[in-house]
Amino acid sequence: MSLPFSLTAAALALSGCVVQNPGMGPAPTLPPVAAPAPDAMRSSARVIVNREMAKRLPGANVAPYTDCVMQSATTAELTSIAEAGALGAGDAVAAIVGRPATTQCI
């Protein structure tokens, strides 16, 4: 009589250590949402700035001017330019070109 009682007591004691639903796996975890890579954002902004400079200086090699604008712009401005695309970047590029540091570079 003591053996079945002790086996029952042992089973009850160990039942807290066993997974209650052995057929179910752990809850899936979602991968973290990553921000766009800074290089991708800078690349997009560079293309847009280059197009805007080409509109303002037709026929000229605008690569050096684009480099000056990219160096003078803040990360927030480059992000804004990349998000705005070609249609909304004109004012932002003009504001960056109007800065003394950019003017000296150009």
N, C-alpha and C. Protein backbone atom coordinates (compact mmCIF):
# COMPACT_ATOMS: atom_id res chain seq x y z
N MET A 1 0.81 -1.18 0.00
CA MET A 1 0.00 0.00 0.00
C MET A 1 0.86 1.25 0.00
N SER A 2 2.00 1.19 0.60
CA SER A 2 2.84 2.39 0.64
C SER A 2 3.52 2.64 -0.71
N LEU A 3 3.78 1.58 -1.50
CA LEU A 3 4.41 1.77 -2.80
C LEU A 3 3.50 2.53 -3.76
N PRO A 4 2.21 2.18 -3.93
CA PRO A 4 1.35 2.98 -4.82
C PRO A 4 1.20 4.41 -4.32
N PHE A 5 1.14 4.57 -3.01
CA PHE A 5 1.01 5.92 -2.45
C PHE A 5 2.26 6.75 -2.75
N SER A 6 3.43 6.16 -2.58
CA SER A 6 4.67 6.89 -2.83
C SER A 6 4.85 7.17 -4.32
N LEU A 7 4.42 6.26 -5.20
CA LEU A 7 4.49 6.51 -6.63
C LEU A 7 3.55 7.64 -7.04
N THR A 8 2.37 7.67 -6.45
CA THR A 8 1.42 8.74 -6.73
C THR A 8 1.98 10.07 -6.25
N ALA A 9 2.56 10.08 -5.05
CA ALA A 9 3.14 11.31 -4.51
C ALA A 9 4.30 11.79 -5.39
N ALA A 10 5.12 10.86 -5.86
CA ALA A 10 6.24 11.23 -6.73
C ALA A 10 5.73 11.76 -8.06
N ALA A 11 4.68 11.14 -8.60
CA ALA A 11 4.12 11.61 -9.86
C ALA A 11 3.54 13.00 -9.72
N LEU A 12 2.86 13.26 -8.61
CA LEU A 12 2.31 14.60 -8.37
C LEU A 12 3.43 15.62 -8.18
N ALA A 13 4.48 15.25 -7.51
CA ALA A 13 5.59 16.17 -7.27
C ALA A 13 6.29 16.52 -8.58
N LEU A 14 6.43 15.54 -9.45
CA LEU A 14 7.13 15.78 -10.72
C LEU A 14 6.23 16.37 -11.80
N SER A 15 4.94 16.38 -11.58
CA SER A 15 4.04 16.87 -12.63
C SER A 15 4.22 18.36 -12.88
N GLY A 16 4.74 19.10 -11.92
CA GLY A 16 5.00 20.52 -12.14
C GLY A 16 6.20 20.74 -13.04
N CYS A 17 7.04 19.75 -13.24
CA CYS A 17 8.24 19.89 -14.07
C CYS A 17 8.00 19.48 -15.51
N VAL A 18 6.84 18.94 -15.82
CA VAL A 18 6.56 18.42 -17.14
C VAL A 18 5.70 19.43 -17.89
N VAL A 19 5.94 19.57 -19.19
CA VAL A 19 5.13 20.44 -20.02
C VAL A 19 3.71 19.90 -20.04
N GLN A 20 2.75 20.76 -19.80
CA GLN A 20 1.37 20.33 -19.71
C GLN A 20 0.79 19.98 -21.08
N ASN A 21 1.22 20.66 -22.14
CA ASN A 21 0.73 20.40 -23.48
C ASN A 21 1.89 19.96 -24.37
N PRO A 22 2.24 18.69 -24.32
CA PRO A 22 3.42 18.25 -25.07
C PRO A 22 3.28 18.39 -26.58
N GLY A 23 2.07 18.47 -27.10
CA GLY A 23 1.87 18.59 -28.54
C GLY A 23 2.09 20.00 -29.06
N MET A 24 2.11 20.98 -28.17
CA MET A 24 2.25 22.37 -28.59
C MET A 24 3.69 22.83 -28.40
N GLY A 25 4.22 23.49 -29.41
CA GLY A 25 5.56 24.05 -29.32
C GLY A 25 5.51 25.41 -28.66
N PRO A 26 6.65 26.00 -28.48
CA PRO A 26 6.68 27.33 -27.89
C PRO A 26 6.05 28.36 -28.83
N ALA A 27 5.57 29.43 -28.27
CA ALA A 27 4.94 30.48 -29.07
C ALA A 27 5.98 31.07 -30.01
N PRO A 28 5.61 31.28 -31.26
CA PRO A 28 6.58 31.84 -32.20
C PRO A 28 6.89 33.29 -31.85
N THR A 29 8.11 33.67 -32.09
CA THR A 29 8.50 35.06 -31.86
C THR A 29 8.68 35.73 -33.21
N LEU A 30 8.28 36.97 -33.29
CA LEU A 30 8.40 37.72 -34.52
C LEU A 30 9.80 38.31 -34.62
N PRO A 31 10.35 38.36 -35.81
CA PRO A 31 11.67 38.98 -35.95
C PRO A 31 11.55 40.48 -35.70
N PRO A 32 12.59 41.09 -35.19
CA PRO A 32 12.52 42.53 -34.94
C PRO A 32 12.43 43.29 -36.26
N VAL A 33 11.67 44.37 -36.23
CA VAL A 33 11.53 45.20 -37.41
C VAL A 33 12.77 46.07 -37.51
N ALA A 34 13.46 45.96 -38.60
CA ALA A 34 14.70 46.71 -38.77
C ALA A 34 14.42 47.98 -39.58
N ALA A 35 15.07 49.05 -39.19
CA ALA A 35 14.99 50.29 -39.94
C ALA A 35 15.76 50.12 -41.25
N PRO A 36 15.39 50.90 -42.24
CA PRO A 36 16.15 50.80 -43.48
C PRO A 36 17.63 51.06 -43.23
N ALA A 37 18.45 50.36 -43.96
CA ALA A 37 19.89 50.53 -43.78
C ALA A 37 20.30 51.94 -44.16
N PRO A 38 21.21 52.53 -43.39
CA PRO A 38 21.65 53.89 -43.71
C PRO A 38 22.25 53.99 -45.11
N ASP A 39 22.95 52.95 -45.54
CA ASP A 39 23.55 52.99 -46.88
C ASP A 39 22.47 53.03 -47.96
N ALA A 40 21.40 52.30 -47.77
CA ALA A 40 20.32 52.30 -48.75
C ALA A 40 19.63 53.66 -48.78
N MET A 41 19.44 54.26 -47.60
CA MET A 41 18.82 55.58 -47.53
C MET A 41 19.72 56.62 -48.19
N ARG A 42 21.02 56.57 -47.91
CA ARG A 42 21.95 57.53 -48.50
C ARG A 42 22.01 57.35 -50.02
N SER A 43 21.96 56.12 -50.48
CA SER A 43 22.00 55.85 -51.91
C SER A 43 20.76 56.43 -52.60
N SER A 44 19.61 56.24 -51.99
CA SER A 44 18.37 56.79 -52.55
C SER A 44 18.41 58.30 -52.57
N ALA A 45 18.87 58.89 -51.47
CA ALA A 45 18.97 60.35 -51.40
C ALA A 45 19.95 60.87 -52.44
N ARG A 46 21.06 60.17 -52.64
CA ARG A 46 22.07 60.60 -53.63
C ARG A 46 21.46 60.63 -55.03
N VAL A 47 20.69 59.62 -55.38
CA VAL A 47 20.07 59.58 -56.71
C VAL A 47 19.12 60.76 -56.87
N ILE A 48 18.34 61.04 -55.85
CA ILE A 48 17.36 62.13 -55.93
C ILE A 48 18.07 63.48 -55.99
N VAL A 49 19.10 63.68 -55.16
CA VAL A 49 19.85 64.93 -55.19
C VAL A 49 20.52 65.10 -56.55
N ASN A 50 21.07 64.04 -57.09
CA ASN A 50 21.72 64.11 -58.41
C ASN A 50 20.72 64.53 -59.48
N ARG A 51 19.52 63.97 -59.45
CA ARG A 51 18.49 64.35 -60.43
C ARG A 51 18.10 65.82 -60.27
N GLU A 52 17.96 66.25 -59.02
CA GLU A 52 17.58 67.64 -58.77
C GLU A 52 18.68 68.59 -59.25
N MET A 53 19.93 68.25 -59.00
CA MET A 53 21.03 69.09 -59.46
C MET A 53 21.10 69.10 -60.99
N ALA A 54 20.82 67.98 -61.63
CA ALA A 54 20.81 67.91 -63.09
C ALA A 54 19.71 68.78 -63.67
N LYS A 55 18.58 68.90 -62.97
CA LYS A 55 17.50 69.78 -63.43
C LYS A 55 17.95 71.24 -63.37
N ARG A 56 18.68 71.59 -62.32
CA ARG A 56 19.09 72.98 -62.12
C ARG A 56 20.32 73.35 -62.95
N LEU A 57 21.14 72.38 -63.30
CA LEU A 57 22.36 72.63 -64.07
C LEU A 57 22.41 71.68 -65.27
N PRO A 58 21.53 71.88 -66.26
CA PRO A 58 21.48 70.94 -67.38
C PRO A 58 22.79 70.96 -68.17
N GLY A 59 23.24 69.79 -68.53
CA GLY A 59 24.45 69.64 -69.33
C GLY A 59 25.74 69.65 -68.54
N ALA A 60 25.69 69.96 -67.26
CA ALA A 60 26.91 70.00 -66.45
C ALA A 60 27.12 68.66 -65.75
N ASN A 61 28.37 68.38 -65.41
CA ASN A 61 28.68 67.21 -64.59
C ASN A 61 28.30 67.57 -63.15
N VAL A 62 27.23 67.00 -62.67
CA VAL A 62 26.71 67.40 -61.36
C VAL A 62 27.22 66.52 -60.22
N ALA A 63 28.05 65.54 -60.52
CA ALA A 63 28.55 64.64 -59.47
C ALA A 63 29.27 65.39 -58.36
N PRO A 64 30.16 66.37 -58.65
CA PRO A 64 30.80 67.09 -57.54
C PRO A 64 29.80 67.91 -56.72
N TYR A 65 28.80 68.46 -57.38
CA TYR A 65 27.79 69.24 -56.66
C TYR A 65 26.95 68.33 -55.76
N THR A 66 26.64 67.16 -56.28
CA THR A 66 25.89 66.19 -55.49
C THR A 66 26.69 65.78 -54.26
N ASP A 67 27.99 65.57 -54.44
CA ASP A 67 28.85 65.22 -53.30
C ASP A 67 28.83 66.31 -52.24
N CYS A 68 28.89 67.58 -52.66
CA CYS A 68 28.85 68.69 -51.70
C CYS A 68 27.54 68.71 -50.93
N VAL A 69 26.44 68.51 -51.64
CA VAL A 69 25.13 68.51 -50.97
C VAL A 69 25.04 67.35 -49.99
N MET A 70 25.53 66.18 -50.39
CA MET A 70 25.47 65.01 -49.52
C MET A 70 26.32 65.21 -48.27
N GLN A 71 27.47 65.86 -48.40
CA GLN A 71 28.33 66.11 -47.24
C GLN A 71 27.73 67.14 -46.30
N SER A 72 27.00 68.11 -46.85
CA SER A 72 26.45 69.19 -46.03
C SER A 72 25.13 68.83 -45.37
N ALA A 73 24.44 67.85 -45.90
CA ALA A 73 23.12 67.48 -45.38
C ALA A 73 23.24 66.65 -44.12
N THR A 74 22.26 66.81 -43.24
CA THR A 74 22.19 65.98 -42.04
C THR A 74 21.53 64.65 -42.39
N THR A 75 21.64 63.71 -41.49
CA THR A 75 21.00 62.41 -41.70
C THR A 75 19.49 62.57 -41.80
N ALA A 76 18.93 63.45 -40.98
CA ALA A 76 17.48 63.68 -41.02
C ALA A 76 17.07 64.26 -42.37
N GLU A 77 17.86 65.18 -42.91
CA GLU A 77 17.54 65.77 -44.21
C GLU A 77 17.65 64.73 -45.32
N LEU A 78 18.67 63.90 -45.25
CA LEU A 78 18.82 62.85 -46.27
C LEU A 78 17.67 61.85 -46.20
N THR A 79 17.25 61.53 -44.99
CA THR A 79 16.10 60.64 -44.83
C THR A 79 14.85 61.27 -45.42
N SER A 80 14.66 62.56 -45.15
CA SER A 80 13.50 63.27 -45.67
C SER A 80 13.52 63.31 -47.20
N ILE A 81 14.69 63.57 -47.76
CA ILE A 81 14.81 63.60 -49.23
C ILE A 81 14.52 62.22 -49.81
N ALA A 82 15.07 61.18 -49.21
CA ALA A 82 14.84 59.82 -49.71
C ALA A 82 13.36 59.44 -49.62
N GLU A 83 12.70 59.86 -48.54
CA GLU A 83 11.28 59.53 -48.38
C GLU A 83 10.40 60.35 -49.31
N ALA A 84 10.77 61.61 -49.56
CA ALA A 84 9.96 62.49 -50.40
C ALA A 84 10.03 62.08 -51.86
N GLY A 85 11.16 61.55 -52.27
CA GLY A 85 11.31 61.18 -53.66
C GLY A 85 11.58 62.39 -54.53
N ALA A 86 11.55 62.18 -55.82
CA ALA A 86 11.91 63.24 -56.77
C ALA A 86 10.91 64.39 -56.76
N LEU A 87 9.67 64.13 -56.41
CA LEU A 87 8.66 65.19 -56.48
C LEU A 87 8.76 66.20 -55.35
N GLY A 88 9.18 65.78 -54.17
CA GLY A 88 9.17 66.69 -53.03
C GLY A 88 10.53 67.09 -52.52
N ALA A 89 11.59 66.81 -53.26
CA ALA A 89 12.93 67.05 -52.74
C ALA A 89 13.51 68.39 -53.15
N GLY A 90 12.90 69.09 -54.07
CA GLY A 90 13.46 70.33 -54.61
C GLY A 90 13.75 71.38 -53.55
N ASP A 91 12.79 71.63 -52.67
CA ASP A 91 12.98 72.65 -51.64
C ASP A 91 14.06 72.25 -50.65
N ALA A 92 14.10 70.99 -50.28
CA ALA A 92 15.11 70.52 -49.32
C ALA A 92 16.51 70.64 -49.91
N VAL A 93 16.66 70.26 -51.17
CA VAL A 93 17.96 70.37 -51.83
C VAL A 93 18.36 71.84 -51.95
N ALA A 94 17.41 72.70 -52.31
CA ALA A 94 17.71 74.13 -52.43
C ALA A 94 18.15 74.72 -51.10
N ALA A 95 17.53 74.28 -50.01
CA ALA A 95 17.91 74.78 -48.68
C ALA A 95 19.33 74.35 -48.33
N ILE A 96 19.70 73.14 -48.69
CA ILE A 96 21.05 72.65 -48.40
C ILE A 96 22.07 73.38 -49.27
N VAL A 97 21.73 73.61 -50.55
CA VAL A 97 22.64 74.32 -51.46
C VAL A 97 22.86 75.75 -50.99
N GLY A 98 21.87 76.35 -50.37
CA GLY A 98 21.97 77.73 -49.91
C GLY A 98 22.84 77.93 -48.68
N ARG A 99 23.28 76.89 -48.05
CA ARG A 99 24.12 77.01 -46.85
C ARG A 99 25.53 77.49 -47.23
N PRO A 100 26.16 78.26 -46.35
CA PRO A 100 27.52 78.73 -46.64
C PRO A 100 28.52 77.60 -46.87
N ALA A 101 28.44 76.54 -46.08
CA ALA A 101 29.39 75.43 -46.24
C ALA A 101 29.22 74.75 -47.60
N THR A 102 27.99 74.60 -48.04
CA THR A 102 27.75 73.99 -49.34
C THR A 102 28.19 74.92 -50.46
N THR A 103 27.92 76.20 -50.30
CA THR A 103 28.31 77.18 -51.32
C THR A 103 29.83 77.21 -51.48
N GLN A 104 30.57 77.11 -50.39
CA GLN A 104 32.03 77.09 -50.48
C GLN A 104 32.52 75.82 -51.17
N CYS A 105 31.86 74.72 -50.92
CA CYS A 105 32.24 73.45 -51.53
C CYS A 105 31.99 73.48 -53.04
N ILE A 106 30.88 74.08 -53.42
CA ILE A 106 30.51 74.14 -54.84
C ILE A 106 31.40 75.15 -55.53
